[in-house]
Amino acid sequence: VLFFLLARPLVALFLDTGDPATAATAALAAGFLFYAAVFQLADGGQVIAAGALRGLKDTRVPMLIAGFGYWAVGFPLGLLCAFRFGWGGDGVWIGLTGGLGVVALLLVLRFRERSRRGLRRHDLAHAGAHPVPIEVP
């Protein structure tokens, strides 16, 4: 929320925004904080979903999802936006945020699917746990 609402004051902590020599840099930094704010939301979602899946002993597929999201979505999207569309640093941040957003969404969907169908007995026996129903709204 601070990145959204206080971008310019946050930048002013590090740059002299009154100096004409740093005005362009300060404007870029304030603009990048918007993407950083969205990035933080997506990152929070993917970290929570990855941790929840790790608790279900599900690590292989989330790793593959992360690789797909970062390399097959985020990297090409960043290249496309930064260089093909000429958006420069904004394009790089769009790629990073887009890739991370895809990872977050896919991990949440995987957790939802795993939770709805319940843990298989094999998973429970392997984890040394007793069957406990997991409810997802």
C-alpha atoms as a PDB file:
ATOM      1  CA  VAL A   1       0.000   0.000   0.000  1.00  0.00           C
ATOM      2  CA  LEU A   2       2.893   2.345   0.769  1.00  0.00           C
ATOM      3  CA  PHE A   3       4.389   1.736  -2.665  1.00  0.00           C
ATOM      4  CA  PHE A   4       1.050   2.742  -4.223  1.00  0.00           C
ATOM      5  CA  LEU A   5       0.232   5.731  -2.048  1.00  0.00           C
ATOM      6  CA  LEU A   6       3.627   7.139  -1.155  1.00  0.00           C
ATOM      7  CA  ALA A   7       5.805   6.406  -4.188  1.00  0.00           C
ATOM      8  CA  ARG A   8       7.228   9.907  -4.529  1.00  0.00           C
ATOM      9  CA  PRO A   9       7.938  10.453  -0.810  1.00  0.00           C
ATOM     10  CA  LEU A  10       9.647   7.037  -0.673  1.00  0.00           C
ATOM     11  CA  VAL A  11      11.825   7.948  -3.644  1.00  0.00           C
ATOM     12  CA  ALA A  12      12.618  11.289  -1.986  1.00  0.00           C
ATOM     13  CA  LEU A  13      14.211   9.373   0.896  1.00  0.00           C
ATOM     14  CA  PHE A  14      16.930   8.254  -1.524  1.00  0.00           C
ATOM     15  CA  LEU A  15      17.057  10.948  -4.196  1.00  0.00           C
ATOM     16  CA  ASP A  16      16.988  14.734  -4.085  1.00  0.00           C
ATOM     17  CA  THR A  17      13.752  15.210  -6.020  1.00  0.00           C
ATOM     18  CA  GLY A  18      14.301  18.985  -6.116  1.00  0.00           C
ATOM     19  CA  ASP A  19      17.520  18.572  -8.123  1.00  0.00           C
ATOM     20  CA  PRO A  20      16.814  18.783 -11.878  1.00  0.00           C
ATOM     21  CA  ALA A  21      19.679  16.341 -12.490  1.00  0.00           C
ATOM     22  CA  THR A  22      17.833  13.561 -10.644  1.00  0.00           C
ATOM     23  CA  ALA A  23      14.279  14.410 -11.750  1.00  0.00           C
ATOM     24  CA  ALA A  24      14.197  11.777 -14.518  1.00  0.00           C
ATOM     25  CA  THR A  25      15.598   9.099 -12.223  1.00  0.00           C
ATOM     26  CA  ALA A  26      13.106   9.977  -9.486  1.00  0.00           C
ATOM     27  CA  ALA A  27      10.208   9.758 -11.959  1.00  0.00           C
ATOM     28  CA  LEU A  28      11.394   6.329 -13.152  1.00  0.00           C
ATOM     29  CA  ALA A  29      11.802   5.075  -9.586  1.00  0.00           C
ATOM     30  CA  ALA A  30       8.321   6.253  -8.575  1.00  0.00           C
ATOM     31  CA  GLY A  31       6.848   4.530 -11.628  1.00  0.00           C
ATOM     32  CA  PHE A  32       8.699   1.298 -10.877  1.00  0.00           C
ATOM     33  CA  LEU A  33       7.282   1.276  -7.345  1.00  0.00           C
ATOM     34  CA  PHE A  34       3.826   0.699  -8.845  1.00  0.00           C
ATOM     35  CA  TYR A  35       5.065  -2.526 -10.438  1.00  0.00           C
ATOM     36  CA  ALA A  36       6.915  -3.431  -7.249  1.00  0.00           C
ATOM     37  CA  ALA A  37       3.648  -3.130  -5.307  1.00  0.00           C
ATOM     38  CA  VAL A  38       1.809  -5.489  -7.670  1.00  0.00           C
ATOM     39  CA  PHE A  39       4.860  -7.776  -7.650  1.00  0.00           C
ATOM     40  CA  GLN A  40       4.716  -7.962  -3.835  1.00  0.00           C
ATOM     41  CA  LEU A  41       1.065  -9.021  -3.931  1.00  0.00           C
ATOM     42  CA  ALA A  42       1.790 -11.765  -6.476  1.00  0.00           C
ATOM     43  CA  ASP A  43       4.880 -12.853  -4.551  1.00  0.00           C
ATOM     44  CA  GLY A  44       2.924 -13.095  -1.306  1.00  0.00           C
ATOM     45  CA  GLY A  45       0.343 -15.288  -3.005  1.00  0.00           C
ATOM     46  CA  GLN A  46       2.890 -17.634  -4.517  1.00  0.00           C
ATOM     47  CA  VAL A  47       4.882 -17.957  -1.293  1.00  0.00           C
ATOM     48  CA  ILE A  48       1.761 -18.848   0.708  1.00  0.00           C
ATOM     49  CA  ALA A  49       0.540 -21.323  -1.922  1.00  0.00           C
ATOM     50  CA  ALA A  50       3.993 -22.916  -2.275  1.00  0.00           C
ATOM     51  CA  GLY A  51       4.251 -23.281   1.510  1.00  0.00           C
ATOM     52  CA  ALA A  52       0.787 -24.822   1.718  1.00  0.00           C
ATOM     53  CA  LEU A  53       1.667 -27.297  -1.037  1.00  0.00           C
ATOM     54  CA  ARG A  54       4.960 -28.082   0.688  1.00  0.00           C
ATOM     55  CA  GLY A  55       2.914 -28.928   3.779  1.00  0.00           C
ATOM     56  CA  LEU A  56       1.026 -31.443   1.621  1.00  0.00           C
ATOM     57  CA  LYS A  57       4.383 -32.919   0.530  1.00  0.00           C
ATOM     58  CA  ASP A  58       3.760 -31.584  -2.967  1.00  0.00           C
ATOM     59  CA  THR A  59       7.037 -30.084  -4.171  1.00  0.00           C
ATOM     60  CA  ARG A  60       7.839 -31.458  -7.628  1.00  0.00           C
ATOM     61  CA  VAL A  61       4.882 -30.007  -9.536  1.00  0.00           C
ATOM     62  CA  PRO A  62       5.153 -26.588  -7.815  1.00  0.00           C
ATOM     63  CA  MET A  63       8.822 -26.485  -8.862  1.00  0.00           C
ATOM     64  CA  LEU A  64       7.803 -27.189 -12.465  1.00  0.00           C
ATOM     65  CA  ILE A  65       5.065 -24.555 -12.241  1.00  0.00           C
ATOM     66  CA  ALA A  66       7.610 -22.013 -11.001  1.00  0.00           C
ATOM     67  CA  GLY A  67      10.022 -22.849 -13.814  1.00  0.00           C
ATOM     68  CA  PHE A  68       7.238 -22.516 -16.365  1.00  0.00           C
ATOM     69  CA  GLY A  69       5.978 -19.227 -14.957  1.00  0.00           C
ATOM     70  CA  TYR A  70       9.391 -17.590 -14.690  1.00  0.00           C
ATOM     71  CA  TRP A  71      11.031 -18.891 -17.867  1.00  0.00           C
ATOM     72  CA  ALA A  72       8.156 -19.586 -20.276  1.00  0.00           C
ATOM     73  CA  VAL A  73       5.947 -16.647 -19.282  1.00  0.00           C
ATOM     74  CA  GLY A  74       7.868 -13.983 -17.355  1.00  0.00           C
ATOM     75  CA  PHE A  75      11.133 -13.940 -19.308  1.00  0.00           C
ATOM     76  CA  PRO A  76       9.577 -13.810 -22.808  1.00  0.00           C
ATOM     77  CA  LEU A  77       6.940 -11.338 -21.632  1.00  0.00           C
ATOM     78  CA  GLY A  78       9.641  -9.077 -20.203  1.00  0.00           C
ATOM     79  CA  LEU A  79      11.681  -9.263 -23.417  1.00  0.00           C
ATOM     80  CA  LEU A  80       8.619  -8.586 -25.541  1.00  0.00           C
ATOM     81  CA  CYS A  81       7.427  -5.632 -23.472  1.00  0.00           C
ATOM     82  CA  ALA A  82      10.862  -4.121 -22.863  1.00  0.00           C
ATOM     83  CA  PHE A  83      12.326  -4.387 -26.340  1.00  0.00           C
ATOM     84  CA  ARG A  84       9.643  -5.179 -28.911  1.00  0.00           C
ATOM     85  CA  PHE A  85       7.136  -2.689 -27.494  1.00  0.00           C
ATOM     86  CA  GLY A  86       9.903  -0.314 -26.373  1.00  0.00           C
ATOM     87  CA  TRP A  87       8.697  -0.022 -22.782  1.00  0.00           C
ATOM     88  CA  GLY A  88      12.182  -0.395 -21.313  1.00  0.00           C
ATOM     89  CA  GLY A  89      12.276  -0.854 -17.552  1.00  0.00           C
ATOM     90  CA  ASP A  90       8.490  -0.866 -17.331  1.00  0.00           C
ATOM     91  CA  GLY A  91       8.446  -3.807 -19.725  1.00  0.00           C
ATOM     92  CA  VAL A  92      10.949  -5.728 -17.615  1.00  0.00           C
ATOM     93  CA  TRP A  93       8.809  -5.179 -14.503  1.00  0.00           C
ATOM     94  CA  ILE A  94       5.683  -6.223 -16.411  1.00  0.00           C
ATOM     95  CA  GLY A  95       7.423  -9.463 -17.378  1.00  0.00           C
ATOM     96  CA  LEU A  96       8.621 -10.149 -13.843  1.00  0.00           C
ATOM     97  CA  THR A  97       5.225  -9.378 -12.358  1.00  0.00           C
ATOM     98  CA  GLY A  98       3.326 -11.283 -15.032  1.00  0.00           C
ATOM     99  CA  GLY A  99       5.446 -14.410 -14.614  1.00  0.00           C
ATOM    100  CA  LEU A 100       5.119 -14.307 -10.856  1.00  0.00           C
ATOM    101  CA  GLY A 101       1.374 -13.708 -11.129  1.00  0.00           C
ATOM    102  CA  VAL A 102       0.995 -16.796 -13.322  1.00  0.00           C
ATOM    103  CA  VAL A 103       2.972 -18.863 -10.801  1.00  0.00           C
ATOM    104  CA  ALA A 104       0.822 -17.576  -7.930  1.00  0.00           C
ATOM    105  CA  LEU A 105      -2.401 -18.340  -9.780  1.00  0.00           C
ATOM    106  CA  LEU A 106      -1.335 -21.846 -10.828  1.00  0.00           C
ATOM    107  CA  LEU A 107      -0.080 -22.724  -7.338  1.00  0.00           C
ATOM    108  CA  VAL A 108      -3.304 -21.519  -5.723  1.00  0.00           C
ATOM    109  CA  LEU A 109      -5.327 -23.533  -8.240  1.00  0.00           C
ATOM    110  CA  ARG A 110      -3.183 -26.608  -7.552  1.00  0.00           C
ATOM    111  CA  PHE A 111      -3.676 -26.244  -3.804  1.00  0.00           C
ATOM    112  CA  ARG A 112      -7.397 -25.823  -4.309  1.00  0.00           C
ATOM    113  CA  GLU A 113      -7.552 -28.945  -6.473  1.00  0.00           C
ATOM    114  CA  ARG A 114      -5.433 -30.993  -4.058  1.00  0.00           C
ATOM    115  CA  SER A 115      -7.537 -29.833  -1.110  1.00  0.00           C
ATOM    116  CA  ARG A 116     -10.873 -30.516  -2.748  1.00  0.00           C
ATOM    117  CA  ARG A 117     -10.082 -34.075  -3.711  1.00  0.00           C
ATOM    118  CA  GLY A 118      -8.438 -34.674  -0.343  1.00  0.00           C
ATOM    119  CA  LEU A 119      -5.158 -36.309   0.352  1.00  0.00           C
ATOM    120  CA  ARG A 120      -4.687 -39.787  -0.979  1.00  0.00           C
ATOM    121  CA  ARG A 121      -4.063 -42.451   1.656  1.00  0.00           C
ATOM    122  CA  HIS A 122      -0.604 -42.996   0.162  1.00  0.00           C
ATOM    123  CA  ASP A 123       0.261 -39.347   0.813  1.00  0.00           C
ATOM    124  CA  LEU A 124      -0.972 -39.609   4.395  1.00  0.00           C
ATOM    125  CA  ALA A 125       0.854 -42.861   5.102  1.00  0.00           C
ATOM    126  CA  HIS A 126       4.040 -41.449   3.612  1.00  0.00           C
ATOM    127  CA  ALA A 127       3.760 -38.356   5.805  1.00  0.00           C
ATOM    128  CA  GLY A 128       2.935 -40.437   8.891  1.00  0.00           C
ATOM    129  CA  ALA A 129      -0.317 -38.535   9.384  1.00  0.00           C
ATOM    130  CA  HIS A 130      -3.885 -39.511  10.078  1.00  0.00           C
ATOM    131  CA  PRO A 131      -6.647 -38.515   7.648  1.00  0.00           C
ATOM    132  CA  VAL A 132      -7.822 -34.996   8.393  1.00  0.00           C
ATOM    133  CA  PRO A 133     -10.371 -33.400   6.063  1.00  0.00           C
ATOM    134  CA  ILE A 134      -9.311 -30.130   4.496  1.00  0.00           C
ATOM    135  CA  GLU A 135     -12.097 -27.744   3.657  1.00  0.00           C
ATOM    136  CA  VAL A 136     -11.703 -25.036   1.069  1.00  0.00           C
ATOM    137  CA  PRO A 137     -14.538 -22.607   0.426  1.00  0.00           C
END
